[in-house]
Every structure is written in structure tokens, then in C-alpha cells.
Amino acid sequence: MIKEKIGSKIKELRLKNKLSQEKLALLSNLDRTYIASVENGKRNISIVNLEKIIIALDTTLENFFKGL
């Protein structure tokens, strides 16, 4: 359940920032297929990679987890 919630939040913020999965992957120095699998709740994301994505999405940990 938590994997799906985190994935949905990443996708929500990515779309809000008008980023493609490929652009988010480039900004966070991760692979596009990794971003896709995280967004779909198929992969456990490490704290380090979550931090990279949050930075690429130009948000904070606090804002990311608000309402999650």
C-alpha cells in the first residue's frame, strides 16, 4: 500500500510540474523505467532515490509526505 501511495504522489507532482518520466529521470539521475516502476507501485524505492526525486520535483520531504 505504501509503495502505491508514494508512487502516486511522485506521479501527481511530476504531472503538476509538467515533467515527463524521462525528464524526471534525467533530473534525478535515475532510469526512466525505474521512475515508471516506482510510480506504478511495483518497486521499493530507497530513501536515497526518493530524495533525488523529491529534489528533482523541487519540493521538500515535508511537503512530499503531507497528506500521504
PDB file of N, CA and C in Angstrom:
ATOM      1  N   MET A   1       0.815  -1.197   0.000  1.00  0.00           N
ATOM      2  CA  MET A   1       0.000   0.000   0.000  1.00  0.00           C
ATOM      3  C   MET A   1       0.862   1.267   0.000  1.00  0.00           C
ATOM      4  N   ILE A   2       1.918   1.291   0.789  1.00  0.00           N
ATOM      5  CA  ILE A   2       2.765   2.483   0.858  1.00  0.00           C
ATOM      6  C   ILE A   2       3.494   2.713  -0.459  1.00  0.00           C
ATOM      7  N   LYS A   3       3.886   1.631  -1.155  1.00  0.00           N
ATOM      8  CA  LYS A   3       4.557   1.787  -2.443  1.00  0.00           C
ATOM      9  C   LYS A   3       3.642   2.490  -3.443  1.00  0.00           C
ATOM     10  N   GLU A   4       2.367   2.123  -3.412  1.00  0.00           N
ATOM     11  CA  GLU A   4       1.405   2.732  -4.329  1.00  0.00           C
ATOM     12  C   GLU A   4       1.162   4.200  -3.982  1.00  0.00           C
ATOM     13  N   LYS A   5       1.087   4.502  -2.698  1.00  0.00           N
ATOM     14  CA  LYS A   5       0.866   5.892  -2.272  1.00  0.00           C
ATOM     15  C   LYS A   5       2.035   6.787  -2.673  1.00  0.00           C
ATOM     16  N   ILE A   6       3.249   6.304  -2.440  1.00  0.00           N
ATOM     17  CA  ILE A   6       4.434   7.086  -2.793  1.00  0.00           C
ATOM     18  C   ILE A   6       4.517   7.249  -4.307  1.00  0.00           C
ATOM     19  N   GLY A   7       4.260   6.173  -5.035  1.00  0.00           N
ATOM     20  CA  GLY A   7       4.275   6.243  -6.496  1.00  0.00           C
ATOM     21  C   GLY A   7       3.255   7.228  -7.035  1.00  0.00           C
ATOM     22  N   SER A   8       2.058   7.202  -6.468  1.00  0.00           N
ATOM     23  CA  SER A   8       1.005   8.131  -6.900  1.00  0.00           C
ATOM     24  C   SER A   8       1.390   9.575  -6.608  1.00  0.00           C
ATOM     25  N   LYS A   9       2.016   9.802  -5.475  1.00  0.00           N
ATOM     26  CA  LYS A   9       2.433  11.164  -5.106  1.00  0.00           C
ATOM     27  C   LYS A   9       3.514  11.662  -6.062  1.00  0.00           C
ATOM     28  N   ILE A  10       4.457  10.798  -6.408  1.00  0.00           N
ATOM     29  CA  ILE A  10       5.504  11.176  -7.358  1.00  0.00           C
ATOM     30  C   ILE A  10       4.875  11.542  -8.698  1.00  0.00           C
ATOM     31  N   LYS A  11       3.957  10.700  -9.175  1.00  0.00           N
ATOM     32  CA  LYS A  11       3.302  10.961 -10.454  1.00  0.00           C
ATOM     33  C   LYS A  11       2.512  12.269 -10.412  1.00  0.00           C
ATOM     34  N   GLU A  12       1.774  12.482  -9.323  1.00  0.00           N
ATOM     35  CA  GLU A  12       0.989  13.712  -9.154  1.00  0.00           C
ATOM     36  C   GLU A  12       1.887  14.948  -9.252  1.00  0.00           C
ATOM     37  N   LEU A  13       3.004  14.936  -8.528  1.00  0.00           N
ATOM     38  CA  LEU A  13       3.910  16.083  -8.537  1.00  0.00           C
ATOM     39  C   LEU A  13       4.623  16.223  -9.881  1.00  0.00           C
ATOM     40  N   ARG A  14       4.951  15.102 -10.501  1.00  0.00           N
ATOM     41  CA  ARG A  14       5.598  15.139 -11.815  1.00  0.00           C
ATOM     42  C   ARG A  14       4.674  15.804 -12.836  1.00  0.00           C
ATOM     43  N   LEU A  15       3.416  15.391 -12.834  1.00  0.00           N
ATOM     44  CA  LEU A  15       2.459  15.976 -13.775  1.00  0.00           C
ATOM     45  C   LEU A  15       2.195  17.442 -13.460  1.00  0.00           C
ATOM     46  N   LYS A  16       2.129  17.778 -12.178  1.00  0.00           N
ATOM     47  CA  LYS A  16       1.940  19.170 -11.767  1.00  0.00           C
ATOM     48  C   LYS A  16       3.083  20.045 -12.278  1.00  0.00           C
ATOM     49  N   ASN A  17       4.289  19.488 -12.280  1.00  0.00           N
ATOM     50  CA  ASN A  17       5.471  20.217 -12.759  1.00  0.00           C
ATOM     51  C   ASN A  17       5.669  20.082 -14.262  1.00  0.00           C
ATOM     52  N   LYS A  18       4.713  19.417 -14.931  1.00  0.00           N
ATOM     53  CA  LYS A  18       4.748  19.239 -16.383  1.00  0.00           C
ATOM     54  C   LYS A  18       6.024  18.575 -16.850  1.00  0.00           C
ATOM     55  N   LEU A  19       6.396  17.498 -16.139  1.00  0.00           N
ATOM     56  CA  LEU A  19       7.590  16.732 -16.477  1.00  0.00           C
ATOM     57  C   LEU A  19       7.188  15.363 -17.026  1.00  0.00           C
ATOM     58  N   SER A  20       7.897  14.911 -18.011  1.00  0.00           N
ATOM     59  CA  SER A  20       7.733  13.537 -18.468  1.00  0.00           C
ATOM     60  C   SER A  20       8.531  12.633 -17.525  1.00  0.00           C
ATOM     61  N   GLN A  21       8.274  11.344 -17.609  1.00  0.00           N
ATOM     62  CA  GLN A  21       9.070  10.410 -16.813  1.00  0.00           C
ATOM     63  C   GLN A  21      10.533  10.508 -17.217  1.00  0.00           C
ATOM     64  N   GLU A  22      10.782  10.677 -18.499  1.00  0.00           N
ATOM     65  CA  GLU A  22      12.154  10.780 -18.984  1.00  0.00           C
ATOM     66  C   GLU A  22      12.855  12.012 -18.415  1.00  0.00           C
ATOM     67  N   LYS A  23      12.169  13.145 -18.400  1.00  0.00           N
ATOM     68  CA  LYS A  23      12.767  14.377 -17.867  1.00  0.00           C
ATOM     69  C   LYS A  23      13.025  14.250 -16.366  1.00  0.00           C
ATOM     70  N   LEU A  24      12.066  13.661 -15.633  1.00  0.00           N
ATOM     71  CA  LEU A  24      12.275  13.451 -14.198  1.00  0.00           C
ATOM     72  C   LEU A  24      13.457  12.520 -13.962  1.00  0.00           C
ATOM     73  N   ALA A  25      13.562  11.491 -14.786  1.00  0.00           N
ATOM     74  CA  ALA A  25      14.687  10.557 -14.664  1.00  0.00           C
ATOM     75  C   ALA A  25      16.017  11.289 -14.870  1.00  0.00           C
ATOM     76  N   LEU A  26      16.071  12.151 -15.886  1.00  0.00           N
ATOM     77  CA  LEU A  26      17.302  12.909 -16.139  1.00  0.00           C
ATOM     78  C   LEU A  26      17.632  13.839 -14.975  1.00  0.00           C
ATOM     79  N   LEU A  27      16.624  14.531 -14.472  1.00  0.00           N
ATOM     80  CA  LEU A  27      16.840  15.468 -13.365  1.00  0.00           C
ATOM     81  C   LEU A  27      17.264  14.774 -12.081  1.00  0.00           C
ATOM     82  N   SER A  28      16.789  13.552 -11.885  1.00  0.00           N
ATOM     83  CA  SER A  28      17.098  12.828 -10.643  1.00  0.00           C
ATOM     84  C   SER A  28      18.227  11.815 -10.820  1.00  0.00           C
ATOM     85  N   ASN A  29      18.789  11.753 -12.021  1.00  0.00           N
ATOM     86  CA  ASN A  29      19.884  10.833 -12.326  1.00  0.00           C
ATOM     87  C   ASN A  29      19.486   9.371 -12.085  1.00  0.00           C
ATOM     88  N   LEU A  30      18.261   9.038 -12.511  1.00  0.00           N
ATOM     89  CA  LEU A  30      17.749   7.676 -12.408  1.00  0.00           C
ATOM     90  C   LEU A  30      17.248   7.253 -13.784  1.00  0.00           C
ATOM     91  N   ASP A  31      16.988   5.969 -13.941  1.00  0.00           N
ATOM     92  CA  ASP A  31      16.498   5.453 -15.213  1.00  0.00           C
ATOM     93  C   ASP A  31      14.992   5.679 -15.353  1.00  0.00           C
ATOM     94  N   ARG A  32      14.534   5.955 -16.576  1.00  0.00           N
ATOM     95  CA  ARG A  32      13.115   6.188 -16.803  1.00  0.00           C
ATOM     96  C   ARG A  32      12.271   4.980 -16.427  1.00  0.00           C
ATOM     97  N   THR A  33      12.761   3.775 -16.672  1.00  0.00           N
ATOM     98  CA  THR A  33      11.989   2.578 -16.322  1.00  0.00           C
ATOM     99  C   THR A  33      11.880   2.428 -14.807  1.00  0.00           C
ATOM    100  N   TYR A  34      12.882   2.921 -14.084  1.00  0.00           N
ATOM    101  CA  TYR A  34      12.827   2.904 -12.623  1.00  0.00           C
ATOM    102  C   TYR A  34      11.722   3.850 -12.140  1.00  0.00           C
ATOM    103  N   ILE A  35      11.671   5.044 -12.717  1.00  0.00           N
ATOM    104  CA  ILE A  35      10.625   6.017 -12.361  1.00  0.00           C
ATOM    105  C   ILE A  35       9.256   5.411 -12.628  1.00  0.00           C
ATOM    106  N   ALA A  36       9.085   4.783 -13.777  1.00  0.00           N
ATOM    107  CA  ALA A  36       7.798   4.173 -14.141  1.00  0.00           C
ATOM    108  C   ALA A  36       7.398   3.091 -13.152  1.00  0.00           C
ATOM    109  N   SER A  37       8.336   2.237 -12.767  1.00  0.00           N
ATOM    110  CA  SER A  37       8.001   1.149 -11.843  1.00  0.00           C
ATOM    111  C   SER A  37       7.701   1.669 -10.441  1.00  0.00           C
ATOM    112  N   VAL A  38       8.355   2.742 -10.036  1.00  0.00           N
ATOM    113  CA  VAL A  38       8.053   3.357  -8.732  1.00  0.00           C
ATOM    114  C   VAL A  38       6.658   3.974  -8.767  1.00  0.00           C
ATOM    115  N   GLU A  39       6.359   4.715  -9.835  1.00  0.00           N
ATOM    116  CA  GLU A  39       5.044   5.348  -9.957  1.00  0.00           C
ATOM    117  C   GLU A  39       3.918   4.307  -9.971  1.00  0.00           C
ATOM    118  N   ASN A  40       4.193   3.151 -10.523  1.00  0.00           N
ATOM    119  CA  ASN A  40       3.183   2.089 -10.590  1.00  0.00           C
ATOM    120  C   ASN A  40       3.137   1.219  -9.339  1.00  0.00           C
ATOM    121  N   GLY A  41       3.949   1.555  -8.324  1.00  0.00           N
ATOM    122  CA  GLY A  41       3.946   0.807  -7.071  1.00  0.00           C
ATOM    123  C   GLY A  41       4.551  -0.575  -7.181  1.00  0.00           C
ATOM    124  N   LYS A  42       5.388  -0.779  -8.187  1.00  0.00           N
ATOM    125  CA  LYS A  42       5.980  -2.095  -8.426  1.00  0.00           C
ATOM    126  C   LYS A  42       7.354  -2.260  -7.785  1.00  0.00           C
ATOM    127  N   ARG A  43       7.910  -1.193  -7.286  1.00  0.00           N
ATOM    128  CA  ARG A  43       9.288  -1.243  -6.790  1.00  0.00           C
ATOM    129  C   ARG A  43       9.399  -0.539  -5.439  1.00  0.00           C
ATOM    130  N   ASN A  44      10.194  -1.137  -4.577  1.00  0.00           N
ATOM    131  CA  ASN A  44      10.545  -0.463  -3.324  1.00  0.00           C
ATOM    132  C   ASN A  44      11.578   0.606  -3.658  1.00  0.00           C
ATOM    133  N   ILE A  45      11.320   1.803  -3.223  1.00  0.00           N
ATOM    134  CA  ILE A  45      12.245   2.899  -3.501  1.00  0.00           C
ATOM    135  C   ILE A  45      13.110   3.143  -2.280  1.00  0.00           C
ATOM    136  N   SER A  46      14.395   3.352  -2.517  1.00  0.00           N
ATOM    137  CA  SER A  46      15.291   3.636  -1.401  1.00  0.00           C
ATOM    138  C   SER A  46      15.112   5.083  -0.965  1.00  0.00           C
ATOM    139  N   ILE A  47      15.521   5.359   0.229  1.00  0.00           N
ATOM    140  CA  ILE A  47      15.444   6.727   0.754  1.00  0.00           C
ATOM    141  C   ILE A  47      16.324   7.654  -0.076  1.00  0.00           C
ATOM    142  N   VAL A  48      17.463   7.166  -0.502  1.00  0.00           N
ATOM    143  CA  VAL A  48      18.383   7.976  -1.304  1.00  0.00           C
ATOM    144  C   VAL A  48      17.739   8.344  -2.636  1.00  0.00           C
ATOM    145  N   ASN A  49      17.101   7.369  -3.302  1.00  0.00           N
ATOM    146  CA  ASN A  49      16.459   7.657  -4.583  1.00  0.00           C
ATOM    147  C   ASN A  49      15.220   8.532  -4.402  1.00  0.00           C
ATOM    148  N   LEU A  50      14.505   8.335  -3.316  1.00  0.00           N
ATOM    149  CA  LEU A  50      13.354   9.198  -3.044  1.00  0.00           C
ATOM    150  C   LEU A  50      13.818  10.637  -2.866  1.00  0.00           C
ATOM    151  N   GLU A  51      14.908  10.833  -2.176  1.00  0.00           N
ATOM    152  CA  GLU A  51      15.450  12.179  -2.002  1.00  0.00           C
ATOM    153  C   GLU A  51      15.823  12.799  -3.352  1.00  0.00           C
ATOM    154  N   LYS A  52      16.443  12.022  -4.233  1.00  0.00           N
ATOM    155  CA  LYS A  52      16.801  12.520  -5.566  1.00  0.00           C
ATOM    156  C   LYS A  52      15.557  12.978  -6.321  1.00  0.00           C
ATOM    157  N   ILE A  53      14.499  12.185  -6.246  1.00  0.00           N
ATOM    158  CA  ILE A  53      13.261  12.516  -6.949  1.00  0.00           C
ATOM    159  C   ILE A  53      12.614  13.756  -6.342  1.00  0.00           C
ATOM    160  N   ILE A  54      12.582  13.831  -5.023  1.00  0.00           N
ATOM    161  CA  ILE A  54      11.982  14.990  -4.349  1.00  0.00           C
ATOM    162  C   ILE A  54      12.726  16.273  -4.720  1.00  0.00           C
ATOM    163  N   ILE A  55      14.029  16.210  -4.773  1.00  0.00           N
ATOM    164  CA  ILE A  55      14.824  17.377  -5.179  1.00  0.00           C
ATOM    165  C   ILE A  55      14.514  17.738  -6.632  1.00  0.00           C
ATOM    166  N   ALA A  56      14.449  16.727  -7.499  1.00  0.00           N
ATOM    167  CA  ALA A  56      14.150  16.969  -8.921  1.00  0.00           C
ATOM    168  C   ALA A  56      12.752  17.561  -9.101  1.00  0.00           C
ATOM    169  N   LEU A  57      11.830  17.205  -8.202  1.00  0.00           N
ATOM    170  CA  LEU A  57      10.471  17.739  -8.265  1.00  0.00           C
ATOM    171  C   LEU A  57      10.353  19.112  -7.604  1.00  0.00           C
ATOM    172  N   ASP A  58      11.476  19.623  -7.100  1.00  0.00           N
ATOM    173  CA  ASP A  58      11.545  20.945  -6.480  1.00  0.00           C
ATOM    174  C   ASP A  58      10.560  21.073  -5.310  1.00  0.00           C
ATOM    175  N   THR A  59      10.583  20.068  -4.447  1.00  0.00           N
ATOM    176  CA  THR A  59       9.758  20.101  -3.244  1.00  0.00           C
ATOM    177  C   THR A  59      10.614  19.681  -2.050  1.00  0.00           C
ATOM    178  N   THR A  60       9.985  19.545  -0.898  1.00  0.00           N
ATOM    179  CA  THR A  60      10.698  19.131   0.310  1.00  0.00           C
ATOM    180  C   THR A  60      10.118  17.822   0.814  1.00  0.00           C
ATOM    181  N   LEU A  61      10.851  17.160   1.676  1.00  0.00           N
ATOM    182  CA  LEU A  61      10.338  15.936   2.304  1.00  0.00           C
ATOM    183  C   LEU A  61       9.029  16.210   3.019  1.00  0.00           C
ATOM    184  N   GLU A  62       8.984  17.309   3.736  1.00  0.00           N
ATOM    185  CA  GLU A  62       7.777  17.671   4.492  1.00  0.00           C
ATOM    186  C   GLU A  62       6.578  17.811   3.552  1.00  0.00           C
ATOM    187  N   ASN A  63       6.745  18.560   2.474  1.00  0.00           N
ATOM    188  CA  ASN A  63       5.641  18.748   1.538  1.00  0.00           C
ATOM    189  C   ASN A  63       5.277  17.453   0.816  1.00  0.00           C
ATOM    190  N   PHE A  64       6.293  16.658   0.504  1.00  0.00           N
ATOM    191  CA  PHE A  64       6.019  15.398  -0.184  1.00  0.00           C
ATOM    192  C   PHE A  64       5.123  14.495   0.642  1.00  0.00           C
ATOM    193  N   PHE A  65       5.417  14.377   1.925  1.00  0.00           N
ATOM    194  CA  PHE A  65       4.679  13.447   2.771  1.00  0.00           C
ATOM    195  C   PHE A  65       3.394  14.037   3.364  1.00  0.00           C
ATOM    196  N   LYS A  66       3.164  15.322   3.143  1.00  0.00           N
ATOM    197  CA  LYS A  66       1.945  15.956   3.646  1.00  0.00           C
ATOM    198  C   LYS A  66       0.734  15.312   2.970  1.00  0.00           C
ATOM    199  N   GLY A  67      -0.180  14.800   3.777  1.00  0.00           N
ATOM    200  CA  GLY A  67      -1.391  14.196   3.267  1.00  0.00           C
ATOM    201  C   GLY A  67      -1.234  12.798   2.702  1.00  0.00           C
ATOM    202  N   LEU A  68      -0.069  12.201   2.883  1.00  0.00           N
ATOM    203  CA  LEU A  68       0.160  10.864   2.344  1.00  0.00           C
ATOM    204  C   LEU A  68      -0.422   9.803   3.203  1.00  0.00           C
TER     205      LEU A  68
END
